[in-house]
Amino acid sequence: MSNAVVKGAGYILIHTPDMILHNGTTQTMERLANPESEYLKKLPNHFRSYEDVVSYPPNQAYIGTIKPEDLRGYEMPWYKHAVAGAERYGKLGEIMPQEEFIGLMKISDVFDLVKLEKDFTKDVKE
């Protein structure tokens, strides 16, 4: 009899502003109740860029490029103080951009549920 063994694990953070905009519960309910609301109009102004997400100190701690205790060295609020030279990949995981995540969903879609535009697919494939 063979036993299951976990040989590795990793963390992944995915920056998906489009999914927040179109799929969040608050946004979905607001769109139904008040499709022209100021909240929905202003929401995209509050998204962080991928670069901001990568350089956010707690995210770097999550993927293992800095230690959690290193966060004490960053003034609060942390989003105002980027990690210099922040990397996408760490020893514990990575921070993935939205386009790659969508491409990865398509690659692993055995039921062909994910439909993508040809130009987008070509760009992501590269």
N, C-alpha and C. Protein backbone atom coordinates (compact mmCIF):
# COMPACT_ATOMS: atom_id res chain seq x y z
N MET A 1 0.84 -1.17 0.00
CA MET A 1 0.00 0.00 0.00
C MET A 1 0.89 1.24 0.00
N SER A 2 0.56 2.21 -0.85
CA SER A 2 1.35 3.44 -0.88
C SER A 2 0.64 4.53 -0.08
N ASN A 3 1.45 5.41 0.44
CA ASN A 3 0.94 6.53 1.24
C ASN A 3 1.14 7.83 0.49
N ALA A 4 0.21 8.74 0.64
CA ALA A 4 0.34 10.06 0.04
C ALA A 4 1.36 10.87 0.82
N VAL A 5 2.19 11.59 0.10
CA VAL A 5 3.23 12.39 0.71
C VAL A 5 3.23 13.77 0.06
N VAL A 6 3.27 14.80 0.87
CA VAL A 6 3.41 16.16 0.36
C VAL A 6 4.90 16.43 0.23
N LYS A 7 5.35 16.67 -0.98
CA LYS A 7 6.77 16.88 -1.21
C LYS A 7 7.13 18.36 -1.35
N GLY A 8 6.13 19.20 -1.46
CA GLY A 8 6.42 20.62 -1.58
C GLY A 8 5.14 21.43 -1.48
N ALA A 9 5.29 22.67 -1.16
CA ALA A 9 4.15 23.58 -1.08
C ALA A 9 4.65 24.98 -1.36
N GLY A 10 3.78 25.85 -1.74
CA GLY A 10 4.16 27.23 -1.99
C GLY A 10 2.95 28.14 -1.84
N TYR A 11 3.23 29.40 -1.68
CA TYR A 11 2.19 30.40 -1.57
C TYR A 11 2.09 31.15 -2.89
N ILE A 12 0.90 31.65 -3.16
CA ILE A 12 0.73 32.50 -4.33
C ILE A 12 -0.26 33.60 -3.98
N LEU A 13 0.11 34.79 -4.33
CA LEU A 13 -0.79 35.94 -4.24
C LEU A 13 -1.05 36.36 -5.68
N ILE A 14 -2.29 36.67 -5.98
CA ILE A 14 -2.63 37.03 -7.35
C ILE A 14 -3.28 38.41 -7.36
N HIS A 15 -2.72 39.29 -8.15
CA HIS A 15 -3.24 40.65 -8.29
C HIS A 15 -4.31 40.64 -9.39
N THR A 16 -5.58 40.69 -8.99
CA THR A 16 -6.68 40.58 -9.96
C THR A 16 -7.68 41.73 -9.79
N PRO A 17 -7.31 42.94 -10.19
CA PRO A 17 -8.24 44.06 -10.03
C PRO A 17 -9.53 43.89 -10.82
N ASP A 18 -9.48 43.26 -11.98
CA ASP A 18 -10.71 43.07 -12.75
C ASP A 18 -11.71 42.18 -12.02
N MET A 19 -11.20 41.19 -11.30
CA MET A 19 -12.09 40.31 -10.55
C MET A 19 -12.73 41.04 -9.38
N ILE A 20 -12.00 41.96 -8.77
CA ILE A 20 -12.58 42.77 -7.70
C ILE A 20 -13.68 43.65 -8.28
N LEU A 21 -13.40 44.26 -9.41
CA LEU A 21 -14.36 45.17 -10.03
C LEU A 21 -15.64 44.46 -10.46
N HIS A 22 -15.52 43.28 -11.03
CA HIS A 22 -16.67 42.61 -11.63
C HIS A 22 -17.28 41.50 -10.79
N ASN A 23 -16.56 40.96 -9.81
CA ASN A 23 -17.04 39.77 -9.12
C ASN A 23 -17.19 39.89 -7.62
N GLY A 24 -16.75 40.96 -7.02
CA GLY A 24 -16.89 41.08 -5.57
C GLY A 24 -18.35 41.14 -5.16
N THR A 25 -18.67 40.63 -3.99
CA THR A 25 -20.04 40.61 -3.51
C THR A 25 -20.61 42.03 -3.39
N THR A 26 -19.84 42.93 -2.79
CA THR A 26 -20.31 44.31 -2.63
C THR A 26 -20.57 44.94 -3.99
N GLN A 27 -19.64 44.74 -4.91
CA GLN A 27 -19.79 45.33 -6.24
C GLN A 27 -21.00 44.73 -6.98
N THR A 28 -21.17 43.43 -6.87
CA THR A 28 -22.28 42.77 -7.55
C THR A 28 -23.62 43.28 -7.01
N MET A 29 -23.74 43.39 -5.70
CA MET A 29 -24.99 43.87 -5.10
C MET A 29 -25.23 45.35 -5.44
N GLU A 30 -24.17 46.13 -5.42
CA GLU A 30 -24.30 47.55 -5.75
C GLU A 30 -24.70 47.73 -7.21
N ARG A 31 -24.12 46.93 -8.08
CA ARG A 31 -24.45 47.01 -9.52
C ARG A 31 -25.93 46.69 -9.75
N LEU A 32 -26.46 45.74 -8.99
CA LEU A 32 -27.88 45.38 -9.11
C LEU A 32 -28.78 46.48 -8.54
N ALA A 33 -28.39 47.01 -7.39
CA ALA A 33 -29.24 47.99 -6.71
C ALA A 33 -29.10 49.40 -7.28
N ASN A 34 -27.89 49.76 -7.68
CA ASN A 34 -27.63 51.13 -8.10
C ASN A 34 -26.51 51.15 -9.13
N PRO A 35 -26.78 50.76 -10.37
CA PRO A 35 -25.73 50.60 -11.38
C PRO A 35 -24.92 51.87 -11.69
N GLU A 36 -25.45 53.03 -11.39
CA GLU A 36 -24.74 54.29 -11.67
C GLU A 36 -24.17 54.91 -10.39
N SER A 37 -23.93 54.11 -9.37
CA SER A 37 -23.49 54.65 -8.08
C SER A 37 -22.09 55.26 -8.16
N GLU A 38 -21.87 56.22 -7.29
CA GLU A 38 -20.55 56.86 -7.19
C GLU A 38 -19.51 55.84 -6.73
N TYR A 39 -19.92 54.92 -5.86
CA TYR A 39 -19.00 53.87 -5.39
C TYR A 39 -18.42 53.10 -6.57
N LEU A 40 -19.27 52.64 -7.48
CA LEU A 40 -18.80 51.86 -8.63
C LEU A 40 -17.95 52.71 -9.56
N LYS A 41 -18.29 53.98 -9.70
CA LYS A 41 -17.51 54.86 -10.58
C LYS A 41 -16.12 55.12 -10.02
N LYS A 42 -16.01 55.24 -8.70
CA LYS A 42 -14.73 55.58 -8.06
C LYS A 42 -13.88 54.36 -7.71
N LEU A 43 -14.47 53.19 -7.71
CA LEU A 43 -13.77 51.97 -7.30
C LEU A 43 -12.43 51.76 -8.02
N PRO A 44 -12.36 51.87 -9.35
CA PRO A 44 -11.08 51.65 -10.03
C PRO A 44 -9.96 52.61 -9.60
N ASN A 45 -10.31 53.75 -9.06
CA ASN A 45 -9.30 54.72 -8.60
C ASN A 45 -8.57 54.24 -7.35
N HIS A 46 -9.11 53.22 -6.72
CA HIS A 46 -8.52 52.73 -5.46
C HIS A 46 -7.72 51.44 -5.63
N PHE A 47 -7.63 50.93 -6.83
CA PHE A 47 -6.84 49.72 -7.06
C PHE A 47 -5.36 50.05 -7.02
N ARG A 48 -4.59 49.14 -6.49
CA ARG A 48 -3.14 49.29 -6.51
C ARG A 48 -2.60 48.70 -7.80
N SER A 49 -1.50 49.25 -8.25
CA SER A 49 -0.85 48.69 -9.43
C SER A 49 -0.17 47.37 -9.04
N TYR A 50 0.16 46.58 -10.05
CA TYR A 50 0.87 45.32 -9.77
C TYR A 50 2.19 45.61 -9.06
N GLU A 51 2.88 46.65 -9.48
CA GLU A 51 4.17 47.01 -8.87
C GLU A 51 3.98 47.36 -7.39
N ASP A 52 2.89 48.08 -7.08
CA ASP A 52 2.61 48.41 -5.67
C ASP A 52 2.32 47.15 -4.86
N VAL A 53 1.62 46.21 -5.44
CA VAL A 53 1.30 44.96 -4.75
C VAL A 53 2.57 44.16 -4.49
N VAL A 54 3.46 44.11 -5.47
CA VAL A 54 4.72 43.37 -5.30
C VAL A 54 5.58 44.01 -4.22
N SER A 55 5.63 45.33 -4.16
CA SER A 55 6.52 46.00 -3.22
C SER A 55 5.90 46.21 -1.84
N TYR A 56 4.66 45.78 -1.62
CA TYR A 56 3.99 45.92 -0.33
C TYR A 56 4.67 45.01 0.69
N PRO A 57 5.20 45.55 1.78
CA PRO A 57 5.98 44.74 2.72
C PRO A 57 5.31 43.45 3.21
N PRO A 58 4.03 43.45 3.64
CA PRO A 58 3.44 42.17 4.08
C PRO A 58 3.40 41.12 2.97
N ASN A 59 3.23 41.54 1.72
CA ASN A 59 3.24 40.57 0.62
C ASN A 59 4.62 39.96 0.45
N GLN A 60 5.65 40.76 0.61
CA GLN A 60 7.01 40.23 0.52
C GLN A 60 7.30 39.26 1.67
N ALA A 61 6.76 39.55 2.85
CA ALA A 61 6.90 38.61 3.98
C ALA A 61 6.16 37.31 3.67
N TYR A 62 5.02 37.41 3.06
CA TYR A 62 4.20 36.22 2.74
C TYR A 62 4.92 35.27 1.80
N ILE A 63 5.64 35.83 0.81
CA ILE A 63 6.34 34.95 -0.14
C ILE A 63 7.77 34.64 0.28
N GLY A 64 8.18 35.18 1.42
CA GLY A 64 9.46 34.77 1.99
C GLY A 64 10.69 35.55 1.58
N THR A 65 10.53 36.73 1.03
CA THR A 65 11.73 37.52 0.69
C THR A 65 12.22 38.34 1.88
N ILE A 66 11.32 38.61 2.81
CA ILE A 66 11.69 39.24 4.08
C ILE A 66 11.01 38.45 5.20
N LYS A 67 11.51 38.59 6.40
CA LYS A 67 10.92 37.89 7.54
C LYS A 67 9.78 38.73 8.11
N PRO A 68 8.76 38.09 8.68
CA PRO A 68 7.66 38.86 9.27
C PRO A 68 8.14 39.90 10.29
N GLU A 69 9.16 39.55 11.06
CA GLU A 69 9.66 40.51 12.05
C GLU A 69 10.33 41.73 11.40
N ASP A 70 10.73 41.60 10.13
CA ASP A 70 11.29 42.75 9.40
C ASP A 70 10.25 43.84 9.18
N LEU A 71 8.97 43.49 9.27
CA LEU A 71 7.92 44.48 9.07
C LEU A 71 7.98 45.59 10.12
N ARG A 72 8.57 45.28 11.28
CA ARG A 72 8.73 46.31 12.32
C ARG A 72 9.59 47.47 11.83
N GLY A 73 10.45 47.21 10.86
CA GLY A 73 11.33 48.24 10.32
C GLY A 73 10.67 49.15 9.29
N TYR A 74 9.44 48.87 8.94
CA TYR A 74 8.70 49.68 7.97
C TYR A 74 7.66 50.52 8.71
N GLU A 75 7.69 51.80 8.44
CA GLU A 75 6.71 52.70 9.05
C GLU A 75 5.31 52.37 8.56
N MET A 76 4.34 52.55 9.42
CA MET A 76 2.94 52.33 9.04
C MET A 76 2.37 53.63 8.50
N PRO A 77 1.44 53.62 7.61
CA PRO A 77 0.87 52.44 6.97
C PRO A 77 1.84 51.85 5.95
N TRP A 78 1.89 50.55 5.90
CA TRP A 78 2.87 49.85 5.07
C TRP A 78 2.74 50.14 3.59
N TYR A 79 1.52 50.38 3.13
CA TYR A 79 1.35 50.60 1.69
C TYR A 79 2.06 51.87 1.20
N LYS A 80 2.42 52.74 2.13
CA LYS A 80 3.16 53.96 1.75
C LYS A 80 4.67 53.75 1.73
N HIS A 81 5.13 52.57 2.13
CA HIS A 81 6.57 52.31 2.26
C HIS A 81 6.94 51.01 1.57
N ALA A 82 7.33 51.11 0.33
CA ALA A 82 7.63 49.95 -0.50
C ALA A 82 8.93 49.27 -0.07
N VAL A 83 9.00 47.98 -0.33
CA VAL A 83 10.24 47.23 -0.14
C VAL A 83 11.13 47.54 -1.34
N ALA A 84 12.29 48.09 -1.09
CA ALA A 84 13.22 48.42 -2.18
C ALA A 84 13.68 47.15 -2.87
N GLY A 85 13.64 47.15 -4.20
CA GLY A 85 14.10 45.99 -4.97
C GLY A 85 13.21 44.77 -4.82
N ALA A 86 11.94 44.99 -4.50
CA ALA A 86 11.01 43.87 -4.29
C ALA A 86 10.95 42.98 -5.52
N GLU A 87 10.85 41.69 -5.28
CA GLU A 87 10.80 40.69 -6.35
C GLU A 87 9.45 40.00 -6.37
N ARG A 88 9.09 39.54 -7.52
CA ARG A 88 7.85 38.78 -7.70
C ARG A 88 7.95 37.40 -7.04
N TYR A 89 9.12 36.78 -7.12
CA TYR A 89 9.31 35.43 -6.61
C TYR A 89 10.06 35.45 -5.28
N GLY A 90 9.62 34.61 -4.35
CA GLY A 90 10.30 34.44 -3.08
C GLY A 90 10.53 32.96 -2.83
N LYS A 91 11.21 32.64 -1.75
CA LYS A 91 11.49 31.23 -1.47
C LYS A 91 10.23 30.46 -1.07
N LEU A 92 9.15 31.17 -0.69
CA LEU A 92 7.91 30.50 -0.30
C LEU A 92 6.81 30.59 -1.34
N GLY A 93 6.99 31.42 -2.34
CA GLY A 93 5.92 31.56 -3.33
C GLY A 93 6.16 32.73 -4.26
N GLU A 94 5.06 33.21 -4.86
CA GLU A 94 5.17 34.30 -5.83
C GLU A 94 3.95 35.20 -5.80
N ILE A 95 4.09 36.34 -6.44
CA ILE A 95 2.99 37.27 -6.63
C ILE A 95 2.75 37.33 -8.14
N MET A 96 1.61 36.83 -8.57
CA MET A 96 1.32 36.66 -9.99
C MET A 96 0.44 37.80 -10.53
N PRO A 97 0.75 38.29 -11.72
CA PRO A 97 -0.11 39.30 -12.33
C PRO A 97 -1.39 38.68 -12.89
N GLN A 98 -2.39 39.50 -13.03
CA GLN A 98 -3.71 39.06 -13.47
C GLN A 98 -3.69 38.31 -14.80
N GLU A 99 -2.97 38.82 -15.79
CA GLU A 99 -2.98 38.20 -17.11
C GLU A 99 -2.46 36.77 -17.07
N GLU A 100 -1.39 36.55 -16.33
CA GLU A 100 -0.84 35.19 -16.22
C GLU A 100 -1.81 34.27 -15.49
N PHE A 101 -2.47 34.79 -14.47
CA PHE A 101 -3.44 33.98 -13.73
C PHE A 101 -4.58 33.54 -14.65
N ILE A 102 -5.09 34.46 -15.44
CA ILE A 102 -6.17 34.12 -16.36
C ILE A 102 -5.69 33.09 -17.38
N GLY A 103 -4.47 33.26 -17.89
CA GLY A 103 -3.90 32.27 -18.80
C GLY A 103 -3.76 30.91 -18.14
N LEU A 104 -3.33 30.89 -16.88
CA LEU A 104 -3.19 29.64 -16.14
C LEU A 104 -4.54 28.97 -15.92
N MET A 105 -5.57 29.78 -15.67
CA MET A 105 -6.92 29.21 -15.55
C MET A 105 -7.33 28.54 -16.85
N LYS A 106 -7.01 29.17 -17.98
CA LYS A 106 -7.36 28.60 -19.28
C LYS A 106 -6.59 27.30 -19.53
N ILE A 107 -5.32 27.29 -19.21
CA ILE A 107 -4.50 26.10 -19.41
C ILE A 107 -5.03 24.92 -18.60
N SER A 108 -5.51 25.18 -17.38
CA SER A 108 -5.97 24.09 -16.52
C SER A 108 -7.47 23.82 -16.66
N ASP A 109 -8.14 24.45 -17.60
CA ASP A 109 -9.58 24.32 -17.81
C ASP A 109 -9.89 23.11 -18.69
N VAL A 110 -10.05 21.94 -18.08
CA VAL A 110 -10.30 20.72 -18.85
C VAL A 110 -11.72 20.67 -19.42
N PHE A 111 -12.62 21.51 -18.91
CA PHE A 111 -13.99 21.51 -19.41
C PHE A 111 -14.26 22.63 -20.42
N ASP A 112 -13.23 23.39 -20.77
CA ASP A 112 -13.33 24.47 -21.74
C ASP A 112 -14.38 25.51 -21.34
N LEU A 113 -14.35 25.91 -20.08
CA LEU A 113 -15.28 26.90 -19.57
C LEU A 113 -14.74 28.32 -19.71
N VAL A 114 -13.43 28.46 -19.74
CA VAL A 114 -12.80 29.78 -19.84
C VAL A 114 -12.66 30.13 -21.31
N LYS A 115 -13.26 31.24 -21.68
CA LYS A 115 -13.19 31.71 -23.07
C LYS A 115 -12.39 33.01 -23.10
N LEU A 116 -11.37 33.05 -23.92
CA LEU A 116 -10.51 34.23 -24.01
C LEU A 116 -10.45 34.72 -25.44
N GLU A 117 -10.24 36.01 -25.60
CA GLU A 117 -10.05 36.58 -26.92
C GLU A 117 -8.73 36.09 -27.48
N LYS A 118 -8.67 35.90 -28.79
CA LYS A 118 -7.46 35.36 -29.43
C LYS A 118 -6.23 36.24 -29.19
N ASP A 119 -6.39 37.56 -29.27
CA ASP A 119 -5.25 38.45 -29.05
C ASP A 119 -4.73 38.35 -27.62
N PHE A 120 -5.65 38.26 -26.66
CA PHE A 120 -5.25 38.12 -25.26
C PHE A 120 -4.50 36.81 -25.07
N THR A 121 -5.04 35.74 -25.62
CA THR A 121 -4.41 34.42 -25.50
C THR A 121 -3.02 34.44 -26.09
N LYS A 122 -2.86 35.08 -27.22
CA LYS A 122 -1.55 35.15 -27.88
C LYS A 122 -0.55 35.91 -27.01
N ASP A 123 -0.97 37.04 -26.45
CA ASP A 123 -0.10 37.84 -25.60
C ASP A 123 0.31 37.09 -24.34
N VAL A 124 -0.66 36.42 -23.69
CA VAL A 124 -0.38 35.72 -22.45
C VAL A 124 0.49 34.49 -22.70
N LYS A 125 0.27 33.84 -23.83
CA LYS A 125 1.03 32.64 -24.16
C LYS A 125 2.52 32.93 -24.23
N GLU A 126 2.86 34.11 -24.76
CA GLU A 126 4.27 34.51 -24.86
C GLU A 126 4.88 34.64 -23.48
